[in-house]
PDB file of N, CA and C in Angstrom:
ATOM      1  N   MET A   1       0.852  -1.166   0.000  1.00  0.00           N
ATOM      2  CA  MET A   1       0.000   0.000   0.000  1.00  0.00           C
ATOM      3  C   MET A   1       0.899   1.231   0.000  1.00  0.00           C
ATOM      4  N   ARG A   2       0.525   2.205  -0.804  1.00  0.00           N
ATOM      5  CA  ARG A   2       1.269   3.467  -0.854  1.00  0.00           C
ATOM      6  C   ARG A   2       0.355   4.587  -0.383  1.00  0.00           C
ATOM      7  N   ILE A   3       0.895   5.431   0.473  1.00  0.00           N
ATOM      8  CA  ILE A   3       0.163   6.593   0.982  1.00  0.00           C
ATOM      9  C   ILE A   3       0.985   7.824   0.647  1.00  0.00           C
ATOM     10  N   ASP A   4       0.384   8.774  -0.050  1.00  0.00           N
ATOM     11  CA  ASP A   4       1.012  10.058  -0.350  1.00  0.00           C
ATOM     12  C   ASP A   4       0.325  11.118   0.508  1.00  0.00           C
ATOM     13  N   ILE A   5       1.110  11.852   1.270  1.00  0.00           N
ATOM     14  CA  ILE A   5       0.568  12.889   2.141  1.00  0.00           C
ATOM     15  C   ILE A   5       1.079  14.234   1.655  1.00  0.00           C
ATOM     16  N   ILE A   6       0.137  15.128   1.382  1.00  0.00           N
ATOM     17  CA  ILE A   6       0.462  16.481   0.917  1.00  0.00           C
ATOM     18  C   ILE A   6       0.250  17.422   2.090  1.00  0.00           C
ATOM     19  N   SER A   7       1.266  18.238   2.384  1.00  0.00           N
ATOM     20  CA  SER A   7       1.164  19.138   3.523  1.00  0.00           C
ATOM     21  C   SER A   7       2.041  20.361   3.312  1.00  0.00           C
ATOM     22  N   VAL A   8       1.715  21.426   4.012  1.00  0.00           N
ATOM     23  CA  VAL A   8       2.544  22.624   4.026  1.00  0.00           C
ATOM     24  C   VAL A   8       3.715  22.418   4.990  1.00  0.00           C
ATOM     25  N   VAL A   9       3.549  21.531   5.950  1.00  0.00           N
ATOM     26  CA  VAL A   9       4.589  21.228   6.939  1.00  0.00           C
ATOM     27  C   VAL A   9       4.832  19.711   7.008  1.00  0.00           C
ATOM     28  N   PRO A  10       5.379  19.128   5.958  1.00  0.00           N
ATOM     29  CA  PRO A  10       5.524  17.667   5.940  1.00  0.00           C
ATOM     30  C   PRO A  10       6.471  17.128   7.013  1.00  0.00           C
ATOM     31  N   ASP A  11       7.466  17.898   7.420  1.00  0.00           N
ATOM     32  CA  ASP A  11       8.411  17.413   8.434  1.00  0.00           C
ATOM     33  C   ASP A  11       7.737  17.173   9.781  1.00  0.00           C
ATOM     34  N   ILE A  12       6.731  17.956  10.090  1.00  0.00           N
ATOM     35  CA  ILE A  12       6.008  17.778  11.352  1.00  0.00           C
ATOM     36  C   ILE A  12       5.195  16.484  11.324  1.00  0.00           C
ATOM     37  N   LEU A  13       4.704  16.113  10.158  1.00  0.00           N
ATOM     38  CA  LEU A  13       3.851  14.938  10.052  1.00  0.00           C
ATOM     39  C   LEU A  13       4.616  13.620   9.992  1.00  0.00           C
ATOM     40  N   LYS A  14       5.914  13.668   9.815  1.00  0.00           N
ATOM     41  CA  LYS A  14       6.695  12.439   9.676  1.00  0.00           C
ATOM     42  C   LYS A  14       6.836  11.661  10.978  1.00  0.00           C
ATOM     43  N   SER A  15       6.853  12.334  12.118  1.00  0.00           N
ATOM     44  CA  SER A  15       7.144  11.659  13.389  1.00  0.00           C
ATOM     45  C   SER A  15       6.177  10.524  13.747  1.00  0.00           C
ATOM     46  N   PRO A  16       4.872  10.614  13.511  1.00  0.00           N
ATOM     47  CA  PRO A  16       4.010   9.478  13.850  1.00  0.00           C
ATOM     48  C   PRO A  16       4.337   8.210  13.050  1.00  0.00           C
ATOM     49  N   PHE A  17       4.959   8.371  11.898  1.00  0.00           N
ATOM     50  CA  PHE A  17       5.294   7.229  11.059  1.00  0.00           C
ATOM     51  C   PHE A  17       6.650   6.627  11.419  1.00  0.00           C
ATOM     52  N   GLU A  18       7.311   7.182  12.412  1.00  0.00           N
ATOM     53  CA  GLU A  18       8.629   6.704  12.833  1.00  0.00           C
ATOM     54  C   GLU A  18       8.554   5.940  14.153  1.00  0.00           C
ATOM     55  N   ALA A  19       7.354   5.525  14.543  1.00  0.00           N
ATOM     56  CA  ALA A  19       7.184   4.810  15.800  1.00  0.00           C
ATOM     57  C   ALA A  19       6.017   3.825  15.695  1.00  0.00           C
ATOM     58  N   SER A  20       6.003   2.883  16.595  1.00  0.00           N
ATOM     59  CA  SER A  20       4.889   1.983  16.816  1.00  0.00           C
ATOM     60  C   SER A  20       4.533   1.118  15.608  1.00  0.00           C
ATOM     61  N   ILE A  21       3.258   0.869  15.435  1.00  0.00           N
ATOM     62  CA  ILE A  21       2.754  -0.038  14.399  1.00  0.00           C
ATOM     63  C   ILE A  21       3.086   0.476  13.005  1.00  0.00           C
ATOM     64  N   LEU A  22       2.960   1.767  12.796  1.00  0.00           N
ATOM     65  CA  LEU A  22       3.254   2.341  11.481  1.00  0.00           C
ATOM     66  C   LEU A  22       4.714   2.126  11.097  1.00  0.00           C
ATOM     67  N   LYS A  23       5.616   2.285  12.044  1.00  0.00           N
ATOM     68  CA  LYS A  23       7.039   2.065  11.775  1.00  0.00           C
ATOM     69  C   LYS A  23       7.298   0.622  11.375  1.00  0.00           C
ATOM     70  N   ARG A  24       6.687  -0.319  12.079  1.00  0.00           N
ATOM     71  CA  ARG A  24       6.878  -1.736  11.753  1.00  0.00           C
ATOM     72  C   ARG A  24       6.300  -2.073  10.382  1.00  0.00           C
ATOM     73  N   ALA A  25       5.165  -1.505  10.050  1.00  0.00           N
ATOM     74  CA  ALA A  25       4.561  -1.752   8.739  1.00  0.00           C
ATOM     75  C   ALA A  25       5.449  -1.218   7.622  1.00  0.00           C
ATOM     76  N   ILE A  26       6.065  -0.071   7.830  1.00  0.00           N
ATOM     77  CA  ILE A  26       6.970   0.509   6.835  1.00  0.00           C
ATOM     78  C   ILE A  26       8.226  -0.345   6.715  1.00  0.00           C
ATOM     79  N   GLU A  27       8.776  -0.772   7.842  1.00  0.00           N
ATOM     80  CA  GLU A  27       9.987  -1.596   7.824  1.00  0.00           C
ATOM     81  C   GLU A  27       9.759  -2.939   7.128  1.00  0.00           C
ATOM     82  N   LYS A  28       8.558  -3.503   7.282  1.00  0.00           N
ATOM     83  CA  LYS A  28       8.242  -4.787   6.651  1.00  0.00           C
ATOM     84  C   LYS A  28       7.750  -4.629   5.215  1.00  0.00           C
ATOM     85  N   LYS A  29       7.778  -3.391   4.715  1.00  0.00           N
ATOM     86  CA  LYS A  29       7.393  -3.082   3.332  1.00  0.00           C
ATOM     87  C   LYS A  29       5.918  -3.354   3.039  1.00  0.00           C
ATOM     88  N   HIS A  30       5.076  -3.289   4.088  1.00  0.00           N
ATOM     89  CA  HIS A  30       3.633  -3.415   3.881  1.00  0.00           C
ATOM     90  C   HIS A  30       3.032  -2.078   3.441  1.00  0.00           C
ATOM     91  N   VAL A  31       3.705  -1.003   3.854  1.00  0.00           N
ATOM     92  CA  VAL A  31       3.216   0.347   3.570  1.00  0.00           C
ATOM     93  C   VAL A  31       4.387   1.211   3.113  1.00  0.00           C
ATOM     94  N   GLU A  32       4.117   2.030   2.100  1.00  0.00           N
ATOM     95  CA  GLU A  32       5.057   3.079   1.683  1.00  0.00           C
ATOM     96  C   GLU A  32       4.382   4.415   1.965  1.00  0.00           C
ATOM     97  N   VAL A  33       5.073   5.300   2.648  1.00  0.00           N
ATOM     98  CA  VAL A  33       4.521   6.622   2.937  1.00  0.00           C
ATOM     99  C   VAL A  33       5.432   7.664   2.307  1.00  0.00           C
ATOM    100  N   HIS A  34       4.850   8.514   1.473  1.00  0.00           N
ATOM    101  CA  HIS A  34       5.591   9.575   0.793  1.00  0.00           C
ATOM    102  C   HIS A  34       4.979  10.915   1.188  1.00  0.00           C
ATOM    103  N   PHE A  35       5.843  11.844   1.578  1.00  0.00           N
ATOM    104  CA  PHE A  35       5.396  13.175   1.977  1.00  0.00           C
ATOM    105  C   PHE A  35       5.748  14.169   0.877  1.00  0.00           C
ATOM    106  N   HIS A  36       4.812  15.071   0.581  1.00  0.00           N
ATOM    107  CA  HIS A  36       5.006  16.065  -0.475  1.00  0.00           C
ATOM    108  C   HIS A  36       4.753  17.453   0.104  1.00  0.00           C
ATOM    109  N   ASN A  37       5.706  18.354  -0.110  1.00  0.00           N
ATOM    110  CA  ASN A  37       5.581  19.722   0.367  1.00  0.00           C
ATOM    111  C   ASN A  37       4.752  20.512  -0.641  1.00  0.00           C
ATOM    112  N   LEU A  38       3.611  20.995  -0.202  1.00  0.00           N
ATOM    113  CA  LEU A  38       2.704  21.730  -1.082  1.00  0.00           C
ATOM    114  C   LEU A  38       3.354  22.993  -1.633  1.00  0.00           C
ATOM    115  N   ARG A  39       4.265  23.585  -0.888  1.00  0.00           N
ATOM    116  CA  ARG A  39       4.934  24.811  -1.342  1.00  0.00           C
ATOM    117  C   ARG A  39       5.773  24.570  -2.602  1.00  0.00           C
ATOM    118  N   ASP A  40       6.193  23.334  -2.834  1.00  0.00           N
ATOM    119  CA  ASP A  40       6.956  23.011  -4.046  1.00  0.00           C
ATOM    120  C   ASP A  40       6.119  23.180  -5.306  1.00  0.00           C
ATOM    121  N   TYR A  41       4.804  23.240  -5.173  1.00  0.00           N
ATOM    122  CA  TYR A  41       3.909  23.344  -6.326  1.00  0.00           C
ATOM    123  C   TYR A  41       3.332  24.742  -6.500  1.00  0.00           C
ATOM    124  N   SER A  42       3.793  25.687  -5.694  1.00  0.00           N
ATOM    125  CA  SER A  42       3.373  27.081  -5.830  1.00  0.00           C
ATOM    126  C   SER A  42       4.235  27.751  -6.900  1.00  0.00           C
ATOM    127  N   LEU A  43       3.643  28.643  -7.667  1.00  0.00           N
ATOM    128  CA  LEU A  43       4.369  29.278  -8.764  1.00  0.00           C
ATOM    129  C   LEU A  43       4.984  30.628  -8.407  1.00  0.00           C
ATOM    130  N   ASN A  44       4.553  31.248  -7.322  1.00  0.00           N
ATOM    131  CA  ASN A  44       5.120  32.562  -7.009  1.00  0.00           C
ATOM    132  C   ASN A  44       6.426  32.415  -6.233  1.00  0.00           C
ATOM    133  N   LYS A  45       7.212  33.461  -6.199  1.00  0.00           N
ATOM    134  CA  LYS A  45       8.553  33.376  -5.611  1.00  0.00           C
ATOM    135  C   LYS A  45       8.512  33.222  -4.092  1.00  0.00           C
ATOM    136  N   GLN A  46       7.412  33.598  -3.450  1.00  0.00           N
ATOM    137  CA  GLN A  46       7.281  33.424  -2.002  1.00  0.00           C
ATOM    138  C   GLN A  46       6.854  32.012  -1.622  1.00  0.00           C
ATOM    139  N   LYS A  47       6.469  31.205  -2.608  1.00  0.00           N
ATOM    140  CA  LYS A  47       5.993  29.832  -2.380  1.00  0.00           C
ATOM    141  C   LYS A  47       4.760  29.802  -1.471  1.00  0.00           C
ATOM    142  N   SER A  48       3.902  30.821  -1.599  1.00  0.00           N
ATOM    143  CA  SER A  48       2.702  30.875  -0.760  1.00  0.00           C
ATOM    144  C   SER A  48       1.627  29.930  -1.300  1.00  0.00           C
ATOM    145  N   VAL A  49       0.849  29.382  -0.386  1.00  0.00           N
ATOM    146  CA  VAL A  49      -0.209  28.440  -0.751  1.00  0.00           C
ATOM    147  C   VAL A  49      -1.565  28.890  -0.217  1.00  0.00           C
ATOM    148  N   ASP A  50      -1.613  30.092   0.351  1.00  0.00           N
ATOM    149  CA  ASP A  50      -2.878  30.601   0.853  1.00  0.00           C
ATOM    150  C   ASP A  50      -3.206  31.934   0.196  1.00  0.00           C
ATOM    151  N   ASP A  51      -4.447  32.354   0.374  1.00  0.00           N
ATOM    152  CA  ASP A  51      -4.913  33.591  -0.240  1.00  0.00           C
ATOM    153  C   ASP A  51      -6.006  34.167   0.650  1.00  0.00           C
ATOM    154  N   TYR A  52      -6.384  35.411   0.371  1.00  0.00           N
ATOM    155  CA  TYR A  52      -7.457  36.032   1.125  1.00  0.00           C
ATOM    156  C   TYR A  52      -8.790  35.423   0.725  1.00  0.00           C
ATOM    157  N   ALA A  53      -9.715  35.399   1.671  1.00  0.00           N
ATOM    158  CA  ALA A  53     -11.045  34.851   1.416  1.00  0.00           C
ATOM    159  C   ALA A  53     -11.768  35.690   0.371  1.00  0.00           C
ATOM    160  N   PHE A  54     -12.467  35.023  -0.542  1.00  0.00           N
ATOM    161  CA  PHE A  54     -13.239  35.711  -1.572  1.00  0.00           C
ATOM    162  C   PHE A  54     -14.328  36.526  -0.891  1.00  0.00           C
ATOM    163  N   GLY A  55     -14.443  37.789  -1.260  1.00  0.00           N
ATOM    164  CA  GLY A  55     -15.447  38.652  -0.666  1.00  0.00           C
ATOM    165  C   GLY A  55     -14.972  39.342   0.598  1.00  0.00           C
ATOM    166  N   GLY A  56     -13.703  39.164   0.934  1.00  0.00           N
ATOM    167  CA  GLY A  56     -13.166  39.829   2.119  1.00  0.00           C
ATOM    168  C   GLY A  56     -13.401  39.037   3.392  1.00  0.00           C
ATOM    169  N   GLY A  57     -13.216  39.686   4.490  1.00  0.00           N
ATOM    170  CA  GLY A  57     -13.387  39.026   5.783  1.00  0.00           C
ATOM    171  C   GLY A  57     -12.040  38.624   6.366  1.00  0.00           C
ATOM    172  N   ALA A  58     -12.078  38.224   7.603  1.00  0.00           N
ATOM    173  CA  ALA A  58     -10.861  37.858   8.321  1.00  0.00           C
ATOM    174  C   ALA A  58     -10.386  36.463   7.921  1.00  0.00           C
ATOM    175  N   GLY A  59      -9.104  36.245   8.036  1.00  0.00           N
ATOM    176  CA  GLY A  59      -8.548  34.916   7.814  1.00  0.00           C
ATOM    177  C   GLY A  59      -8.066  34.686   6.402  1.00  0.00           C
ATOM    178  N   MET A  60      -7.485  33.518   6.223  1.00  0.00           N
ATOM    179  CA  MET A  60      -6.935  33.127   4.927  1.00  0.00           C
ATOM    180  C   MET A  60      -7.532  31.772   4.541  1.00  0.00           C
ATOM    181  N   VAL A  61      -7.483  31.468   3.269  1.00  0.00           N
ATOM    182  CA  VAL A  61      -7.950  30.173   2.769  1.00  0.00           C
ATOM    183  C   VAL A  61      -6.850  29.555   1.919  1.00  0.00           C
ATOM    184  N   MET A  62      -6.873  28.251   1.775  1.00  0.00           N
ATOM    185  CA  MET A  62      -5.907  27.561   0.927  1.00  0.00           C
ATOM    186  C   MET A  62      -6.212  27.875  -0.535  1.00  0.00           C
ATOM    187  N   SER A  63      -5.192  28.135  -1.291  1.00  0.00           N
ATOM    188  CA  SER A  63      -5.331  28.369  -2.724  1.00  0.00           C
ATOM    189  C   SER A  63      -5.398  27.014  -3.419  1.00  0.00           C
ATOM    190  N   ILE A  64      -6.309  26.853  -4.347  1.00  0.00           N
ATOM    191  CA  ILE A  64      -6.518  25.553  -4.984  1.00  0.00           C
ATOM    192  C   ILE A  64      -5.438  25.226  -6.018  1.00  0.00           C
ATOM    193  N   GLU A  65      -4.792  26.231  -6.598  1.00  0.00           N
ATOM    194  CA  GLU A  65      -3.833  25.977  -7.677  1.00  0.00           C
ATOM    195  C   GLU A  65      -2.680  25.057  -7.265  1.00  0.00           C
ATOM    196  N   PRO A  66      -1.987  25.318  -6.144  1.00  0.00           N
ATOM    197  CA  PRO A  66      -0.913  24.393  -5.761  1.00  0.00           C
ATOM    198  C   PRO A  66      -1.414  22.985  -5.447  1.00  0.00           C
ATOM    199  N   ILE A  67      -2.593  22.891  -4.843  1.00  0.00           N
ATOM    200  CA  ILE A  67      -3.164  21.578  -4.520  1.00  0.00           C
ATOM    201  C   ILE A  67      -3.457  20.816  -5.805  1.00  0.00           C
ATOM    202  N   ASP A  68      -4.062  21.491  -6.768  1.00  0.00           N
ATOM    203  CA  ASP A  68      -4.378  20.850  -8.045  1.00  0.00           C
ATOM    204  C   ASP A  68      -3.111  20.436  -8.788  1.00  0.00           C
ATOM    205  N   ARG A  69      -2.099  21.292  -8.791  1.00  0.00           N
ATOM    206  CA  ARG A  69      -0.828  20.951  -9.457  1.00  0.00           C
ATOM    207  C   ARG A  69      -0.178  19.726  -8.819  1.00  0.00           C
ATOM    208  N   CYS A  70      -0.187  19.664  -7.507  1.00  0.00           N
ATOM    209  CA  CYS A  70       0.425  18.543  -6.794  1.00  0.00           C
ATOM    210  C   CYS A  70      -0.324  17.236  -7.085  1.00  0.00           C
ATOM    211  N   ILE A  71      -1.634  17.243  -6.964  1.00  0.00           N
ATOM    212  CA  ILE A  71      -2.414  16.026  -7.205  1.00  0.00           C
ATOM    213  C   ILE A  71      -2.305  15.605  -8.658  1.00  0.00           C
ATOM    214  N   SER A  72      -2.321  16.552  -9.586  1.00  0.00           N
ATOM    215  CA  SER A  72      -2.179  16.217 -11.012  1.00  0.00           C
ATOM    216  C   SER A  72      -0.817  15.582 -11.287  1.00  0.00           C
ATOM    217  N   ALA A  73       0.240  16.114 -10.673  1.00  0.00           N
ATOM    218  CA  ALA A  73       1.578  15.550 -10.869  1.00  0.00           C
ATOM    219  C   ALA A  73       1.654  14.132 -10.308  1.00  0.00           C
ATOM    220  N   LEU A  74       1.054  13.906  -9.145  1.00  0.00           N
ATOM    221  CA  LEU A  74       1.068  12.568  -8.548  1.00  0.00           C
ATOM    222  C   LEU A  74       0.246  11.580  -9.381  1.00  0.00           C
ATOM    223  N   LYS A  75      -0.875  12.037  -9.926  1.00  0.00           N
ATOM    224  CA  LYS A  75      -1.709  11.158 -10.754  1.00  0.00           C
ATOM    225  C   LYS A  75      -1.021  10.792 -12.059  1.00  0.00           C
ATOM    226  N   GLN A  76      -0.122  11.633 -12.551  1.00  0.00           N
ATOM    227  CA  GLN A  76       0.637  11.292 -13.758  1.00  0.00           C
ATOM    228  C   GLN A  76       1.659  10.197 -13.473  1.00  0.00           C
ATOM    229  N   GLU A  77       2.132  10.112 -12.224  1.00  0.00           N
ATOM    230  CA  GLU A  77       3.113   9.103 -11.842  1.00  0.00           C
ATOM    231  C   GLU A  77       2.484   7.731 -11.645  1.00  0.00           C
ATOM    232  N   ARG A  78       1.251   7.696 -11.139  1.00  0.00           N
ATOM    233  CA  ARG A  78       0.610   6.412 -10.855  1.00  0.00           C
ATOM    234  C   ARG A  78      -0.899   6.583 -10.740  1.00  0.00           C
ATOM    235  N   ASN A  79      -1.621   5.460 -10.752  1.00  0.00           N
ATOM    236  CA  ASN A  79      -3.080   5.471 -10.571  1.00  0.00           C
ATOM    237  C   ASN A  79      -3.399   5.302  -9.093  1.00  0.00           C
ATOM    238  N   TYR A  80      -4.413   5.992  -8.636  1.00  0.00           N
ATOM    239  CA  TYR A  80      -4.826   5.928  -7.242  1.00  0.00           C
ATOM    240  C   TYR A  80      -6.212   5.312  -7.148  1.00  0.00           C
ATOM    241  N   ASP A  81      -6.408   4.461  -6.142  1.00  0.00           N
ATOM    242  CA  ASP A  81      -7.736   3.914  -5.874  1.00  0.00           C
ATOM    243  C   ASP A  81      -8.624   4.982  -5.241  1.00  0.00           C
ATOM    244  N   GLU A  82      -8.021   5.788  -4.369  1.00  0.00           N
ATOM    245  CA  GLU A  82      -8.762   6.823  -3.649  1.00  0.00           C
ATOM    246  C   GLU A  82      -7.923   8.084  -3.536  1.00  0.00           C
ATOM    247  N   VAL A  83      -8.571   9.229  -3.621  1.00  0.00           N
ATOM    248  CA  VAL A  83      -7.951  10.505  -3.278  1.00  0.00           C
ATOM    249  C   VAL A  83      -8.841  11.110  -2.200  1.00  0.00           C
ATOM    250  N   ILE A  84      -8.276  11.312  -1.030  1.00  0.00           N
ATOM    251  CA  ILE A  84      -9.058  11.795   0.111  1.00  0.00           C
ATOM    252  C   ILE A  84      -8.657  13.228   0.414  1.00  0.00           C
ATOM    253  N   TYR A  85      -9.616  14.121   0.379  1.00  0.00           N
ATOM    254  CA  TYR A  85      -9.387  15.529   0.697  1.00  0.00           C
ATOM    255  C   TYR A  85      -9.904  15.787   2.104  1.00  0.00           C
ATOM    256  N   LEU A  86      -9.084  16.367   2.953  1.00  0.00           N
ATOM    257  CA  LEU A  86      -9.548  16.783   4.278  1.00  0.00           C
ATOM    258  C   LEU A  86      -9.991  18.231   4.175  1.00  0.00           C
ATOM    259  N   THR A  87     -11.201  18.514   4.605  1.00  0.00           N
ATOM    260  CA  THR A  87     -11.755  19.862   4.485  1.00  0.00           C
ATOM    261  C   THR A  87     -12.248  20.347   5.851  1.00  0.00           C
ATOM    262  N   PRO A  88     -12.433  21.647   5.989  1.00  0.00           N
ATOM    263  CA  PRO A  88     -12.962  22.177   7.233  1.00  0.00           C
ATOM    264  C   PRO A  88     -14.493  22.064   7.314  1.00  0.00           C
ATOM    265  N   ASP A  89     -15.127  21.474   6.297  1.00  0.00           N
ATOM    266  CA  ASP A  89     -16.579  21.303   6.319  1.00  0.00           C
ATOM    267  C   ASP A  89     -16.947  20.391   7.480  1.00  0.00           C
ATOM    268  N   GLY A  90     -18.077  20.646   8.044  1.00  0.00           N
ATOM    269  CA  GLY A  90     -18.528  19.785   9.137  1.00  0.00           C
ATOM    270  C   GLY A  90     -19.491  20.525  10.023  1.00  0.00           C
ATOM    271  N   GLU A  91     -19.978  19.790  10.988  1.00  0.00           N
ATOM    272  CA  GLU A  91     -20.947  20.352  11.914  1.00  0.00           C
ATOM    273  C   GLU A  91     -20.249  21.263  12.919  1.00  0.00           C
ATOM    274  N   LEU A  92     -20.791  22.460  13.115  1.00  0.00           N
ATOM    275  CA  LEU A  92     -20.224  23.423  14.057  1.00  0.00           C
ATOM    276  C   LEU A  92     -20.503  22.967  15.475  1.00  0.00           C
ATOM    277  N   LEU A  93     -19.485  23.047  16.330  1.00  0.00           N
ATOM    278  CA  LEU A  93     -19.669  22.658  17.732  1.00  0.00           C
ATOM    279  C   LEU A  93     -20.221  23.803  18.537  1.00  0.00           C
TER     280      LEU A  93
END
């Protein structure tokens, strides 16, 4: 099984895969985990991946262009059974 993880901070996400059950699965070659830095797919010189919210307001939102470029590049390398997007959608607490 191969897992590709796209993140703005991939180094922070690596530590859970270096211990416990996940580490053993990787060592036994049951799982391959690849981390991709989303900033590598940004086209501007600042390597920014966020933008102001459409219509104004406080806060920032993720820009879709780097995400689309990254997923498109990965899909050219191999076929995926599933592509899972994590979103902030959900029930408000």
